[in-house]
Amino acid sequence: MTAEEFARRFDVSRETLASLSAYVALLEKWQPRINLVSPATLPDIWHRHILDSAQLVPYLPVVSARQRRQILDIGSGAGFPGLVLAILGAGDVQLVESDQRKAVFLQTVIRELGLSARVSNQRIETLPACQPDVITARALAALPKLMSLIAPQLHKGLTCLFLKGASVDEELTNFQTYSTMIPHLYPSVTNEYGVIVKLTTPQ
């Protein structure tokens, strides 16, 4: 997938595409110094990373027109999906990344692109409760572990969007033995074995 193919698929503006392209360029510049993504995925970065992150947009919860959606992206790494969501204007994004070098990379992208996002260079377990509308994560941990990590952030009305792989059925079995959140599964558009897990709190 090329940048232009992504733009047609998501119907993004020239400005948004330019920002995504600048993000990709920064990632490629920093990659030799910091292992941000698997080198094998770089030639297909628009499909493997940009599209993979952007596919969460249709599943984001609706918020009031007078407020901006608050997104908490945990274990942000190279910024997927958090930075992509910020560039697409999905809301105000707080990225949580414990690796200092990766946090500096994230801050650099935010500064250079003027994004509505900020970085917390700490472990998610130490983050004070911030009442986000959405929590996102990609390839971070199994569902039971994820839920323990975000326990202080849980509140009524929260939506979680997790990009998961082939082991999701086993993870859900363990997850449903103790969690009251309701899982909804959607197929990934980038990986035939991938799944988007959307968790919502019961009404």
C-alpha atoms as a PDB file:
ATOM      1  CA  MET A   1       0.000   0.000   0.000  1.00  0.00           C
ATOM      2  CA  THR A   2       1.227   3.477  -0.892  1.00  0.00           C
ATOM      3  CA  ALA A   3       0.460   6.783   0.807  1.00  0.00           C
ATOM      4  CA  GLU A   4      -1.883   7.676  -2.054  1.00  0.00           C
ATOM      5  CA  GLU A   5      -3.737   4.375  -1.774  1.00  0.00           C
ATOM      6  CA  PHE A   6      -4.190   4.973   1.940  1.00  0.00           C
ATOM      7  CA  ALA A   7      -5.490   8.492   1.263  1.00  0.00           C
ATOM      8  CA  ARG A   8      -8.076   7.180  -1.183  1.00  0.00           C
ATOM      9  CA  ARG A   9      -9.202   4.429   1.177  1.00  0.00           C
ATOM     10  CA  PHE A  10      -9.625   6.789   4.138  1.00  0.00           C
ATOM     11  CA  ASP A  11     -10.568   9.898   2.158  1.00  0.00           C
ATOM     12  CA  VAL A  12      -8.078  12.056   4.068  1.00  0.00           C
ATOM     13  CA  SER A  13      -7.128  15.607   3.174  1.00  0.00           C
ATOM     14  CA  ARG A  14      -3.830  16.602   1.590  1.00  0.00           C
ATOM     15  CA  GLU A  15      -2.775  18.149   4.893  1.00  0.00           C
ATOM     16  CA  THR A  16      -3.492  14.958   6.811  1.00  0.00           C
ATOM     17  CA  LEU A  17      -1.653  12.847   4.249  1.00  0.00           C
ATOM     18  CA  ALA A  18       1.309  15.234   4.444  1.00  0.00           C
ATOM     19  CA  SER A  19       1.391  14.855   8.229  1.00  0.00           C
ATOM     20  CA  LEU A  20       1.232  11.062   8.015  1.00  0.00           C
ATOM     21  CA  SER A  21       4.020  11.096   5.415  1.00  0.00           C
ATOM     22  CA  ALA A  22       6.145  13.341   7.659  1.00  0.00           C
ATOM     23  CA  TYR A  23       5.546  10.904  10.542  1.00  0.00           C
ATOM     24  CA  VAL A  24       6.673   7.985   8.375  1.00  0.00           C
ATOM     25  CA  ALA A  25       9.780   9.923   7.341  1.00  0.00           C
ATOM     26  CA  LEU A  26      10.665  10.647  10.973  1.00  0.00           C
ATOM     27  CA  LEU A  27      10.189   7.007  11.909  1.00  0.00           C
ATOM     28  CA  GLU A  28      12.465   5.890   9.078  1.00  0.00           C
ATOM     29  CA  LYS A  29      15.066   8.481  10.179  1.00  0.00           C
ATOM     30  CA  TRP A  30      15.028   7.305  13.806  1.00  0.00           C
ATOM     31  CA  GLN A  31      14.732   3.562  13.079  1.00  0.00           C
ATOM     32  CA  PRO A  32      18.508   2.920  12.765  1.00  0.00           C
ATOM     33  CA  ARG A  33      19.085   4.463  16.220  1.00  0.00           C
ATOM     34  CA  ILE A  34      16.046   3.014  17.982  1.00  0.00           C
ATOM     35  CA  ASN A  35      14.366  -0.224  16.991  1.00  0.00           C
ATOM     36  CA  LEU A  36      10.899   1.346  16.697  1.00  0.00           C
ATOM     37  CA  VAL A  37       9.330  -1.305  14.456  1.00  0.00           C
ATOM     38  CA  SER A  38      10.404  -4.614  12.973  1.00  0.00           C
ATOM     39  CA  PRO A  39      12.721  -3.761  10.046  1.00  0.00           C
ATOM     40  CA  ALA A  40      10.906  -6.307   7.874  1.00  0.00           C
ATOM     41  CA  THR A  41       7.707  -4.215   8.086  1.00  0.00           C
ATOM     42  CA  LEU A  42       9.250  -0.927   6.910  1.00  0.00           C
ATOM     43  CA  PRO A  43       8.733  -1.526   3.160  1.00  0.00           C
ATOM     44  CA  ASP A  44       5.004  -2.011   3.838  1.00  0.00           C
ATOM     45  CA  ILE A  45       4.636   0.595   6.581  1.00  0.00           C
ATOM     46  CA  TRP A  46       1.444   2.157   5.193  1.00  0.00           C
ATOM     47  CA  HIS A  47      -0.388  -1.162   5.361  1.00  0.00           C
ATOM     48  CA  ARG A  48       1.259  -2.826   8.355  1.00  0.00           C
ATOM     49  CA  HIS A  49       1.303   0.193  10.667  1.00  0.00           C
ATOM     50  CA  ILE A  50      -0.615   3.234   9.378  1.00  0.00           C
ATOM     51  CA  LEU A  51      -3.695   1.413   8.064  1.00  0.00           C
ATOM     52  CA  ASP A  52      -3.565  -1.061  10.954  1.00  0.00           C
ATOM     53  CA  SER A  53      -3.862   1.872  13.373  1.00  0.00           C
ATOM     54  CA  ALA A  54      -6.348   3.914  11.343  1.00  0.00           C
ATOM     55  CA  GLN A  55      -8.833   1.033  11.177  1.00  0.00           C
ATOM     56  CA  LEU A  56      -9.788   1.802  14.786  1.00  0.00           C
ATOM     57  CA  VAL A  57     -11.443   5.100  13.826  1.00  0.00           C
ATOM     58  CA  PRO A  58     -14.902   3.660  12.940  1.00  0.00           C
ATOM     59  CA  TYR A  59     -15.066   1.969  16.360  1.00  0.00           C
ATOM     60  CA  LEU A  60     -14.336   5.056  18.451  1.00  0.00           C
ATOM     61  CA  PRO A  61     -17.221   6.065  20.737  1.00  0.00           C
ATOM     62  CA  VAL A  62     -19.285   9.116  19.894  1.00  0.00           C
ATOM     63  CA  VAL A  63     -18.734  12.122  22.145  1.00  0.00           C
ATOM     64  CA  SER A  64     -20.571  15.408  22.470  1.00  0.00           C
ATOM     65  CA  ALA A  65     -19.917  17.897  19.674  1.00  0.00           C
ATOM     66  CA  ARG A  66     -18.803  20.362  22.338  1.00  0.00           C
ATOM     67  CA  GLN A  67     -16.043  18.169  23.711  1.00  0.00           C
ATOM     68  CA  ARG A  68     -12.977  16.472  22.270  1.00  0.00           C
ATOM     69  CA  ARG A  69     -12.536  12.739  22.616  1.00  0.00           C
ATOM     70  CA  GLN A  70      -9.876  11.852  25.201  1.00  0.00           C
ATOM     71  CA  ILE A  71      -7.743   8.907  24.099  1.00  0.00           C
ATOM     72  CA  LEU A  72      -5.219   7.112  26.293  1.00  0.00           C
ATOM     73  CA  ASP A  73      -2.762   5.058  24.219  1.00  0.00           C
ATOM     74  CA  ILE A  74      -0.725   2.685  26.370  1.00  0.00           C
ATOM     75  CA  GLY A  75       2.607   1.104  25.499  1.00  0.00           C
ATOM     76  CA  SER A  76       2.791   3.533  22.587  1.00  0.00           C
ATOM     77  CA  GLY A  77       6.220   2.493  21.300  1.00  0.00           C
ATOM     78  CA  ALA A  78       6.605   4.015  17.832  1.00  0.00           C
ATOM     79  CA  GLY A  79       3.185   5.670  18.138  1.00  0.00           C
ATOM     80  CA  PHE A  80       0.822   3.019  16.812  1.00  0.00           C
ATOM     81  CA  PRO A  81      -2.070   3.499  17.039  1.00  0.00           C
ATOM     82  CA  GLY A  82      -1.928   6.687  19.153  1.00  0.00           C
ATOM     83  CA  LEU A  83      -0.038   9.062  16.864  1.00  0.00           C
ATOM     84  CA  VAL A  84      -2.006   7.938  13.805  1.00  0.00           C
ATOM     85  CA  LEU A  85      -5.261   8.659  15.653  1.00  0.00           C
ATOM     86  CA  ALA A  86      -3.927  12.090  16.661  1.00  0.00           C
ATOM     87  CA  ILE A  87      -2.953  12.923  13.066  1.00  0.00           C
ATOM     88  CA  LEU A  88      -6.396  11.809  11.863  1.00  0.00           C
ATOM     89  CA  GLY A  89      -7.996  14.207  14.353  1.00  0.00           C
ATOM     90  CA  ALA A  90      -9.657  11.476  16.406  1.00  0.00           C
ATOM     91  CA  GLY A  91      -9.194  13.416  19.661  1.00  0.00           C
ATOM     92  CA  ASP A  92      -6.666  14.534  22.255  1.00  0.00           C
ATOM     93  CA  VAL A  93      -4.210  11.685  22.715  1.00  0.00           C
ATOM     94  CA  GLN A  94      -2.104  10.890  25.756  1.00  0.00           C
ATOM     95  CA  LEU A  95       0.653   8.426  24.885  1.00  0.00           C
ATOM     96  CA  VAL A  96       2.132   6.340  27.699  1.00  0.00           C
ATOM     97  CA  GLU A  97       5.601   4.943  26.997  1.00  0.00           C
ATOM     98  CA  SER A  98       8.110   3.804  29.623  1.00  0.00           C
ATOM     99  CA  ASP A  99      11.139   3.660  27.278  1.00  0.00           C
ATOM    100  CA  GLN A 100      12.778   7.090  27.425  1.00  0.00           C
ATOM    101  CA  ARG A 101      14.243   6.970  23.909  1.00  0.00           C
ATOM    102  CA  LYS A 102      10.880   6.053  22.394  1.00  0.00           C
ATOM    103  CA  ALA A 103       9.200   8.770  24.476  1.00  0.00           C
ATOM    104  CA  VAL A 104      11.647  11.324  23.026  1.00  0.00           C
ATOM    105  CA  PHE A 105      10.781  10.098  19.525  1.00  0.00           C
ATOM    106  CA  LEU A 106       7.065  10.496  20.238  1.00  0.00           C
ATOM    107  CA  GLN A 107       7.605  14.003  21.628  1.00  0.00           C
ATOM    108  CA  THR A 108       9.620  14.913  18.525  1.00  0.00           C
ATOM    109  CA  VAL A 109       6.825  13.825  16.184  1.00  0.00           C
ATOM    110  CA  ILE A 110       4.226  15.702  18.242  1.00  0.00           C
ATOM    111  CA  ARG A 111       6.323  18.880  18.248  1.00  0.00           C
ATOM    112  CA  GLU A 112       7.253  18.804  14.563  1.00  0.00           C
ATOM    113  CA  LEU A 113       3.709  18.035  13.391  1.00  0.00           C
ATOM    114  CA  GLY A 114       1.927  20.237  15.939  1.00  0.00           C
ATOM    115  CA  LEU A 115      -0.327  17.426  17.127  1.00  0.00           C
ATOM    116  CA  SER A 116      -2.942  17.532  19.869  1.00  0.00           C
ATOM    117  CA  ALA A 117      -1.106  14.921  21.919  1.00  0.00           C
ATOM    118  CA  ARG A 118       1.251  14.564  24.858  1.00  0.00           C
ATOM    119  CA  VAL A 119       3.606  11.904  26.165  1.00  0.00           C
ATOM    120  CA  SER A 120       3.823  10.420  29.652  1.00  0.00           C
ATOM    121  CA  ASN A 121       7.233   8.751  30.017  1.00  0.00           C
ATOM    122  CA  GLN A 122       6.246   6.232  32.693  1.00  0.00           C
ATOM    123  CA  ARG A 123       4.740   2.822  33.233  1.00  0.00           C
ATOM    124  CA  ILE A 124       0.977   2.664  32.797  1.00  0.00           C
ATOM    125  CA  GLU A 125       0.568   1.223  36.320  1.00  0.00           C
ATOM    126  CA  THR A 126       1.948   4.449  37.797  1.00  0.00           C
ATOM    127  CA  LEU A 127      -0.306   6.779  35.807  1.00  0.00           C
ATOM    128  CA  PRO A 128      -2.955   8.560  37.924  1.00  0.00           C
ATOM    129  CA  ALA A 129      -6.583   7.996  36.901  1.00  0.00           C
ATOM    130  CA  CYS A 130      -7.375  10.378  34.053  1.00  0.00           C
ATOM    131  CA  GLN A 131     -10.914   9.368  33.000  1.00  0.00           C
ATOM    132  CA  PRO A 132     -10.257   8.790  29.275  1.00  0.00           C
ATOM    133  CA  ASP A 133     -13.090   8.128  26.842  1.00  0.00           C
ATOM    134  CA  VAL A 134     -10.994   5.486  25.076  1.00  0.00           C
ATOM    135  CA  ILE A 135      -7.972   3.342  25.885  1.00  0.00           C
ATOM    136  CA  THR A 136      -6.035   1.901  22.952  1.00  0.00           C
ATOM    137  CA  ALA A 137      -3.186  -0.605  22.755  1.00  0.00           C
ATOM    138  CA  ARG A 138      -1.462  -2.584  20.039  1.00  0.00           C
ATOM    139  CA  ALA A 139       0.519  -5.778  20.587  1.00  0.00           C
ATOM    140  CA  LEU A 140       1.213  -4.885  24.206  1.00  0.00           C
ATOM    141  CA  ALA A 141       0.026  -7.790  26.387  1.00  0.00           C
ATOM    142  CA  ALA A 142      -2.630 -10.474  26.735  1.00  0.00           C
ATOM    143  CA  LEU A 143      -6.088  -9.211  27.696  1.00  0.00           C
ATOM    144  CA  PRO A 144      -5.960 -10.241  31.376  1.00  0.00           C
ATOM    145  CA  LYS A 145      -2.611  -8.460  31.741  1.00  0.00           C
ATOM    146  CA  LEU A 146      -3.902  -5.403  29.878  1.00  0.00           C
ATOM    147  CA  MET A 147      -6.876  -5.152  32.197  1.00  0.00           C
ATOM    148  CA  SER A 148      -4.654  -5.315  35.275  1.00  0.00           C
ATOM    149  CA  LEU A 149      -2.445  -2.562  33.824  1.00  0.00           C
ATOM    150  CA  ILE A 150      -5.372  -0.212  33.212  1.00  0.00           C
ATOM    151  CA  ALA A 151      -7.318  -1.043  36.389  1.00  0.00           C
ATOM    152  CA  PRO A 152      -6.942   2.510  37.822  1.00  0.00           C
ATOM    153  CA  GLN A 153      -8.336   3.950  34.570  1.00  0.00           C
ATOM    154  CA  LEU A 154     -11.555   1.912  34.490  1.00  0.00           C
ATOM    155  CA  HIS A 155     -14.788   3.875  34.814  1.00  0.00           C
ATOM    156  CA  LYS A 156     -18.358   3.761  33.557  1.00  0.00           C
ATOM    157  CA  GLY A 157     -18.570   4.823  29.923  1.00  0.00           C
ATOM    158  CA  LEU A 158     -15.036   3.727  29.053  1.00  0.00           C
ATOM    159  CA  THR A 159     -14.324   2.041  25.713  1.00  0.00           C
ATOM    160  CA  CYS A 160     -11.183  -0.036  25.100  1.00  0.00           C
ATOM    161  CA  LEU A 161      -9.905  -0.783  21.599  1.00  0.00           C
ATOM    162  CA  PHE A 162      -7.159  -3.383  21.418  1.00  0.00           C
ATOM    163  CA  LEU A 163      -5.511  -4.701  18.253  1.00  0.00           C
ATOM    164  CA  LYS A 164      -5.015  -8.408  18.839  1.00  0.00           C
ATOM    165  CA  GLY A 165      -3.733 -11.491  17.008  1.00  0.00           C
ATOM    166  CA  ALA A 166      -4.630 -15.144  16.598  1.00  0.00           C
ATOM    167  CA  SER A 167      -4.531 -15.971  20.326  1.00  0.00           C
ATOM    168  CA  VAL A 168      -7.504 -13.733  21.100  1.00  0.00           C
ATOM    169  CA  ASP A 169      -9.972 -16.590  21.777  1.00  0.00           C
ATOM    170  CA  GLU A 170      -7.829 -17.994  24.573  1.00  0.00           C
ATOM    171  CA  GLU A 171      -7.286 -14.503  25.971  1.00  0.00           C
ATOM    172  CA  LEU A 172     -11.033 -13.826  25.984  1.00  0.00           C
ATOM    173  CA  THR A 173     -11.737 -17.075  27.837  1.00  0.00           C
ATOM    174  CA  ASN A 174      -9.451 -15.978  30.669  1.00  0.00           C
ATOM    175  CA  PHE A 175     -10.685 -12.394  30.474  1.00  0.00           C
ATOM    176  CA  GLN A 176     -14.387 -13.229  30.807  1.00  0.00           C
ATOM    177  CA  THR A 177     -13.893 -15.149  34.045  1.00  0.00           C
ATOM    178  CA  TYR A 178     -13.408 -11.910  35.978  1.00  0.00           C
ATOM    179  CA  SER A 179     -14.185  -8.838  33.881  1.00  0.00           C
ATOM    180  CA  THR A 180     -17.595  -7.178  33.604  1.00  0.00           C
ATOM    181  CA  MET A 181     -16.669  -5.333  30.402  1.00  0.00           C
ATOM    182  CA  ILE A 182     -18.488  -6.561  27.297  1.00  0.00           C
ATOM    183  CA  PRO A 183     -16.295  -7.723  24.379  1.00  0.00           C
ATOM    184  CA  HIS A 184     -17.131  -7.115  20.723  1.00  0.00           C
ATOM    185  CA  LEU A 185     -14.873  -8.586  18.027  1.00  0.00           C
ATOM    186  CA  TYR A 186     -14.273  -7.148  14.560  1.00  0.00           C
ATOM    187  CA  PRO A 187     -11.996  -8.577  11.857  1.00  0.00           C
ATOM    188  CA  SER A 188      -8.788  -6.721  11.097  1.00  0.00           C
ATOM    189  CA  VAL A 189      -8.473  -5.236   7.606  1.00  0.00           C
ATOM    190  CA  THR A 190      -4.705  -5.737   7.612  1.00  0.00           C
ATOM    191  CA  ASN A 191      -4.246  -9.272   8.948  1.00  0.00           C
ATOM    192  CA  GLU A 192      -6.427 -12.302   8.251  1.00  0.00           C
ATOM    193  CA  TYR A 193      -5.690 -13.577  11.761  1.00  0.00           C
ATOM    194  CA  GLY A 194      -6.011 -10.189  13.428  1.00  0.00           C
ATOM    195  CA  VAL A 195      -8.955  -8.914  15.455  1.00  0.00           C
ATOM    196  CA  ILE A 196     -10.067  -5.608  16.896  1.00  0.00           C
ATOM    197  CA  VAL A 197     -11.348  -6.185  20.426  1.00  0.00           C
ATOM    198  CA  LYS A 198     -13.750  -3.487  21.559  1.00  0.00           C
ATOM    199  CA  LEU A 199     -14.592  -3.570  25.269  1.00  0.00           C
ATOM    200  CA  THR A 200     -17.415  -1.500  26.689  1.00  0.00           C
ATOM    201  CA  THR A 201     -18.756  -1.065  30.191  1.00  0.00           C
ATOM    202  CA  PRO A 202     -22.293  -2.336  30.832  1.00  0.00           C
ATOM    203  CA  GLN A 203     -25.005   0.318  30.854  1.00  0.00           C
END
